PDB file of N, CA and C in Angstrom:
ATOM      1  N   MET A   1      -2.384   1.253  -9.999  1.00  0.00           N
ATOM      2  CA  MET A   1      -2.432  -0.164 -10.294  1.00  0.00           C
ATOM      3  C   MET A   1      -3.832  -0.665  -9.928  1.00  0.00           C
ATOM      4  N   SER A   2      -4.489  -1.323 -10.804  1.00  0.00           N
ATOM      5  CA  SER A   2      -5.827  -1.822 -10.523  1.00  0.00           C
ATOM      6  C   SER A   2      -5.762  -3.213  -9.913  1.00  0.00           C
ATOM      7  N   GLN A   3      -6.862  -3.644  -9.321  1.00  0.00           N
ATOM      8  CA  GLN A   3      -6.890  -4.938  -8.647  1.00  0.00           C
ATOM      9  C   GLN A   3      -6.566  -6.087  -9.577  1.00  0.00           C
ATOM     10  N   GLY A   4      -6.881  -5.945 -10.867  1.00  0.00           N
ATOM     11  CA  GLY A   4      -6.634  -7.027 -11.799  1.00  0.00           C
ATOM     12  C   GLY A   4      -5.165  -7.184 -12.189  1.00  0.00           C
ATOM     13  N   GLU A   5      -4.343  -6.178 -11.912  1.00  0.00           N
ATOM     14  CA  GLU A   5      -2.937  -6.259 -12.270  1.00  0.00           C
ATOM     15  C   GLU A   5      -2.173  -7.050 -11.225  1.00  0.00           C
ATOM     16  N   GLY A   6      -1.048  -7.651 -11.628  1.00  0.00           N
ATOM     17  CA  GLY A   6      -0.232  -8.431 -10.696  1.00  0.00           C
ATOM     18  C   GLY A   6       0.488  -7.558  -9.688  1.00  0.00           C
ATOM     19  N   HIS A   7       0.759  -8.109  -8.527  1.00  0.00           N
ATOM     20  CA  HIS A   7       1.468  -7.394  -7.471  1.00  0.00           C
ATOM     21  C   HIS A   7       2.573  -8.281  -6.938  1.00  0.00           C
ATOM     22  N   ASP A   8       3.745  -7.710  -6.810  1.00  0.00           N
ATOM     23  CA  ASP A   8       4.867  -8.403  -6.185  1.00  0.00           C
ATOM     24  C   ASP A   8       5.476  -7.417  -5.206  1.00  0.00           C
ATOM     25  N   MET A   9       4.819  -7.233  -4.074  1.00  0.00           N
ATOM     26  CA  MET A   9       5.205  -6.220  -3.106  1.00  0.00           C
ATOM     27  C   MET A   9       6.620  -6.459  -2.573  1.00  0.00           C
ATOM     28  N   ALA A  10       7.085  -7.695  -2.537  1.00  0.00           N
ATOM     29  CA  ALA A  10       8.420  -7.986  -2.008  1.00  0.00           C
ATOM     30  C   ALA A  10       9.505  -7.370  -2.867  1.00  0.00           C
ATOM     31  N   ASN A  11       9.245  -7.187  -4.158  1.00  0.00           N
ATOM     32  CA  ASN A  11      10.256  -6.655  -5.057  1.00  0.00           C
ATOM     33  C   ASN A  11      10.086  -5.168  -5.349  1.00  0.00           C
ATOM     34  N   MET A  12       9.142  -4.515  -4.705  1.00  0.00           N
ATOM     35  CA  MET A  12       8.933  -3.087  -4.921  1.00  0.00           C
ATOM     36  C   MET A  12       9.732  -2.308  -3.885  1.00  0.00           C
ATOM     37  N   SER A  13      10.407  -1.252  -4.315  1.00  0.00           N
ATOM     38  CA  SER A  13      11.198  -0.449  -3.390  1.00  0.00           C
ATOM     39  C   SER A  13      10.345   0.703  -2.868  1.00  0.00           C
ATOM     40  N   MET A  14       9.327   0.363  -2.107  1.00  0.00           N
ATOM     41  CA  MET A  14       8.419   1.355  -1.547  1.00  0.00           C
ATOM     42  C   MET A  14       8.489   1.291  -0.027  1.00  0.00           C
ATOM     43  N   ALA A  15       8.129   2.408   0.590  1.00  0.00           N
ATOM     44  CA  ALA A  15       8.080   2.453   2.045  1.00  0.00           C
ATOM     45  C   ALA A  15       7.008   1.510   2.554  1.00  0.00           C
ATOM     46  N   GLY A  16       7.265   0.904   3.686  1.00  0.00           N
ATOM     47  CA  GLY A  16       6.285  -0.001   4.261  1.00  0.00           C
ATOM     48  C   GLY A  16       6.540  -0.188   5.741  1.00  0.00           C
ATOM     49  N   VAL A  17       5.531  -0.664   6.408  1.00  0.00           N
ATOM     50  CA  VAL A  17       5.639  -0.958   7.834  1.00  0.00           C
ATOM     51  C   VAL A  17       4.779  -2.185   8.107  1.00  0.00           C
ATOM     52  N   THR A  18       5.273  -3.089   8.924  1.00  0.00           N
ATOM     53  CA  THR A  18       4.508  -4.268   9.328  1.00  0.00           C
ATOM     54  C   THR A  18       3.998  -4.028  10.739  1.00  0.00           C
ATOM     55  N   ILE A  19       2.708  -4.238  10.934  1.00  0.00           N
ATOM     56  CA  ILE A  19       2.059  -3.986  12.216  1.00  0.00           C
ATOM     57  C   ILE A  19       1.419  -5.276  12.691  1.00  0.00           C
ATOM     58  N   ALA A  20       1.729  -5.689  13.909  1.00  0.00           N
ATOM     59  CA  ALA A  20       1.170  -6.916  14.473  1.00  0.00           C
ATOM     60  C   ALA A  20      -0.324  -6.744  14.748  1.00  0.00           C
ATOM     61  N   PRO A  21      -1.094  -7.838  14.710  1.00  0.00           N
ATOM     62  CA  PRO A  21      -2.527  -7.757  15.018  1.00  0.00           C
ATOM     63  C   PRO A  21      -2.754  -7.081  16.360  1.00  0.00           C
ATOM     64  N   GLY A  22      -3.686  -6.129  16.387  1.00  0.00           N
ATOM     65  CA  GLY A  22      -4.011  -5.416  17.608  1.00  0.00           C
ATOM     66  C   GLY A  22      -3.106  -4.240  17.908  1.00  0.00           C
ATOM     67  N   GLU A  23      -2.065  -4.052  17.118  1.00  0.00           N
ATOM     68  CA  GLU A  23      -1.128  -2.947  17.318  1.00  0.00           C
ATOM     69  C   GLU A  23      -1.426  -1.816  16.324  1.00  0.00           C
ATOM     70  N   THR A  24      -0.810  -0.670  16.536  1.00  0.00           N
ATOM     71  CA  THR A  24      -0.921   0.453  15.608  1.00  0.00           C
ATOM     72  C   THR A  24       0.482   0.889  15.215  1.00  0.00           C
ATOM     73  N   GLY A  25       0.580   1.624  14.132  1.00  0.00           N
ATOM     74  CA  GLY A  25       1.858   2.126  13.670  1.00  0.00           C
ATOM     75  C   GLY A  25       1.662   3.340  12.796  1.00  0.00           C
ATOM     76  N   THR A  26       2.741   3.999  12.473  1.00  0.00           N
ATOM     77  CA  THR A  26       2.704   5.201  11.652  1.00  0.00           C
ATOM     78  C   THR A  26       3.762   5.104  10.565  1.00  0.00           C
ATOM     79  N   LEU A  27       3.408   5.504   9.374  1.00  0.00           N
ATOM     80  CA  LEU A  27       4.333   5.590   8.254  1.00  0.00           C
ATOM     81  C   LEU A  27       4.115   6.949   7.608  1.00  0.00           C
ATOM     82  N   LEU A  28       5.164   7.745   7.525  1.00  0.00           N
ATOM     83  CA  LEU A  28       5.092   9.046   6.883  1.00  0.00           C
ATOM     84  C   LEU A  28       5.973   9.051   5.651  1.00  0.00           C
ATOM     85  N   TRP A  29       5.478   9.594   4.566  1.00  0.00           N
ATOM     86  CA  TRP A  29       6.276   9.738   3.370  1.00  0.00           C
ATOM     87  C   TRP A  29       5.781  10.943   2.601  1.00  0.00           C
ATOM     88  N   SER A  30       6.624  11.455   1.724  1.00  0.00           N
ATOM     89  CA  SER A  30       6.288  12.611   0.903  1.00  0.00           C
ATOM     90  C   SER A  30       5.819  12.141  -0.457  1.00  0.00           C
ATOM     91  N   VAL A  31       4.737  12.726  -0.905  1.00  0.00           N
ATOM     92  CA  VAL A  31       4.171  12.394  -2.214  1.00  0.00           C
ATOM     93  C   VAL A  31       4.684  13.420  -3.217  1.00  0.00           C
ATOM     94  N   PRO A  32       5.199  12.986  -4.352  1.00  0.00           N
ATOM     95  CA  PRO A  32       5.672  13.942  -5.370  1.00  0.00           C
ATOM     96  C   PRO A  32       4.566  14.914  -5.779  1.00  0.00           C
ATOM     97  N   ASP A  33       4.947  16.143  -6.081  1.00  0.00           N
ATOM     98  CA  ASP A  33       3.987  17.188  -6.418  1.00  0.00           C
ATOM     99  C   ASP A  33       3.073  16.835  -7.584  1.00  0.00           C
ATOM    100  N   ASN A  34       3.554  16.062  -8.545  1.00  0.00           N
ATOM    101  CA  ASN A  34       2.748  15.752  -9.737  1.00  0.00           C
ATOM    102  C   ASN A  34       1.848  14.533  -9.545  1.00  0.00           C
ATOM    103  N   THR A  35       1.665  14.052  -8.317  1.00  0.00           N
ATOM    104  CA  THR A  35       0.840  12.872  -8.044  1.00  0.00           C
ATOM    105  C   THR A  35      -0.604  13.297  -7.803  1.00  0.00           C
ATOM    106  N   ASN A  36      -1.535  12.678  -8.511  1.00  0.00           N
ATOM    107  CA  ASN A  36      -2.956  12.961  -8.345  1.00  0.00           C
ATOM    108  C   ASN A  36      -3.657  11.881  -7.535  1.00  0.00           C
ATOM    109  N   GLU A  37      -3.140  10.669  -7.585  1.00  0.00           N
ATOM    110  CA  GLU A  37      -3.760   9.535  -6.902  1.00  0.00           C
ATOM    111  C   GLU A  37      -2.666   8.574  -6.439  1.00  0.00           C
ATOM    112  N   LEU A  38      -2.882   7.949  -5.280  1.00  0.00           N
ATOM    113  CA  LEU A  38      -1.913   7.029  -4.724  1.00  0.00           C
ATOM    114  C   LEU A  38      -2.656   5.844  -4.113  1.00  0.00           C
ATOM    115  N   GLU A  39      -2.252   4.635  -4.489  1.00  0.00           N
ATOM    116  CA  GLU A  39      -2.862   3.435  -3.914  1.00  0.00           C
ATOM    117  C   GLU A  39      -2.026   2.969  -2.728  1.00  0.00           C
ATOM    118  N   TYR A  40      -2.701   2.573  -1.650  1.00  0.00           N
ATOM    119  CA  TYR A  40      -2.027   1.940  -0.524  1.00  0.00           C
ATOM    120  C   TYR A  40      -2.602   0.545  -0.376  1.00  0.00           C
ATOM    121  N   ALA A  41      -1.800  -0.383   0.167  1.00  0.00           N
ATOM    122  CA  ALA A  41      -2.254  -1.766   0.247  1.00  0.00           C
ATOM    123  C   ALA A  41      -1.508  -2.514   1.330  1.00  0.00           C
ATOM    124  N   CYS A  42      -2.107  -3.573   1.826  1.00  0.00           N
ATOM    125  CA  CYS A  42      -1.461  -4.490   2.744  1.00  0.00           C
ATOM    126  C   CYS A  42      -0.510  -5.357   1.926  1.00  0.00           C
ATOM    127  N   ASN A  43       0.719  -5.541   2.427  1.00  0.00           N
ATOM    128  CA  ASN A  43       1.699  -6.320   1.666  1.00  0.00           C
ATOM    129  C   ASN A  43       1.824  -7.763   2.137  1.00  0.00           C
ATOM    130  N   ILE A  44       0.917  -8.230   2.991  1.00  0.00           N
ATOM    131  CA  ILE A  44       0.914  -9.627   3.412  1.00  0.00           C
ATOM    132  C   ILE A  44       0.240 -10.444   2.294  1.00  0.00           C
ATOM    133  N   PRO A  45       0.863 -11.542   1.858  1.00  0.00           N
ATOM    134  CA  PRO A  45       0.302 -12.332   0.756  1.00  0.00           C
ATOM    135  C   PRO A  45      -1.181 -12.658   0.952  1.00  0.00           C
ATOM    136  N   GLY A  46      -1.956 -12.386  -0.098  1.00  0.00           N
ATOM    137  CA  GLY A  46      -3.380 -12.679  -0.093  1.00  0.00           C
ATOM    138  C   GLY A  46      -4.249 -11.554   0.448  1.00  0.00           C
ATOM    139  N   HIS A  47      -3.684 -10.618   1.190  1.00  0.00           N
ATOM    140  CA  HIS A  47      -4.493  -9.544   1.788  1.00  0.00           C
ATOM    141  C   HIS A  47      -4.961  -8.537   0.746  1.00  0.00           C
ATOM    142  N   TYR A  48      -4.107  -8.178  -0.216  1.00  0.00           N
ATOM    143  CA  TYR A  48      -4.526  -7.266  -1.274  1.00  0.00           C
ATOM    144  C   TYR A  48      -5.715  -7.872  -2.034  1.00  0.00           C
ATOM    145  N   GLU A  49      -5.585  -9.122  -2.391  1.00  0.00           N
ATOM    146  CA  GLU A  49      -6.645  -9.809  -3.145  1.00  0.00           C
ATOM    147  C   GLU A  49      -7.939  -9.905  -2.344  1.00  0.00           C
ATOM    148  N   SER A  50      -7.829  -9.832  -1.017  1.00  0.00           N
ATOM    149  CA  SER A  50      -9.011  -9.881  -0.143  1.00  0.00           C
ATOM    150  C   SER A  50      -9.613  -8.500   0.088  1.00  0.00           C
ATOM    151  N   GLY A  51      -9.043  -7.476  -0.533  1.00  0.00           N
ATOM    152  CA  GLY A  51      -9.618  -6.142  -0.442  1.00  0.00           C
ATOM    153  C   GLY A  51      -8.924  -5.197   0.512  1.00  0.00           C
ATOM    154  N   MET A  52      -7.755  -5.536   1.000  1.00  0.00           N
ATOM    155  CA  MET A  52      -7.056  -4.661   1.941  1.00  0.00           C
ATOM    156  C   MET A  52      -6.183  -3.661   1.176  1.00  0.00           C
ATOM    157  N   TYR A  53      -6.840  -2.710   0.521  1.00  0.00           N
ATOM    158  CA  TYR A  53      -6.181  -1.648  -0.223  1.00  0.00           C
ATOM    159  C   TYR A  53      -7.147  -0.484  -0.354  1.00  0.00           C
ATOM    160  N   GLY A  54      -6.637   0.653  -0.734  1.00  0.00           N
ATOM    161  CA  GLY A  54      -7.463   1.836  -0.916  1.00  0.00           C
ATOM    162  C   GLY A  54      -6.691   2.879  -1.716  1.00  0.00           C
ATOM    163  N   ASN A  55      -7.294   4.032  -1.914  1.00  0.00           N
ATOM    164  CA  ASN A  55      -6.680   5.106  -2.684  1.00  0.00           C
ATOM    165  C   ASN A  55      -6.777   6.441  -1.965  1.00  0.00           C
ATOM    166  N   PHE A  56      -5.744   7.241  -2.128  1.00  0.00           N
ATOM    167  CA  PHE A  56      -5.764   8.644  -1.739  1.00  0.00           C
ATOM    168  C   PHE A  56      -5.882   9.426  -3.024  1.00  0.00           C
ATOM    169  N   THR A  57      -6.703  10.460  -3.050  1.00  0.00           N
ATOM    170  CA  THR A  57      -6.813  11.350  -4.183  1.00  0.00           C
ATOM    171  C   THR A  57      -6.419  12.742  -3.713  1.00  0.00           C
ATOM    172  N   PHE A  58      -5.511  13.393  -4.441  1.00  0.00           N
ATOM    173  CA  PHE A  58      -4.990  14.690  -4.045  1.00  0.00           C
ATOM    174  C   PHE A  58      -5.552  15.771  -4.928  1.00  0.00           C
TER     175      PHE A  58
END
């Protein structure tokens, strides 16, 4: 999903974790074998649009 596309993280059935400011956390999940790239992003409103996202390339 590119930055220009719409995001409605509340309605996506994806794994997620909320971490308080100054805290750390861990989220582990399995990536399907046929996945070449995966985008991760902050799900707090406005944070994705502010650049809080990135990509993993496998």
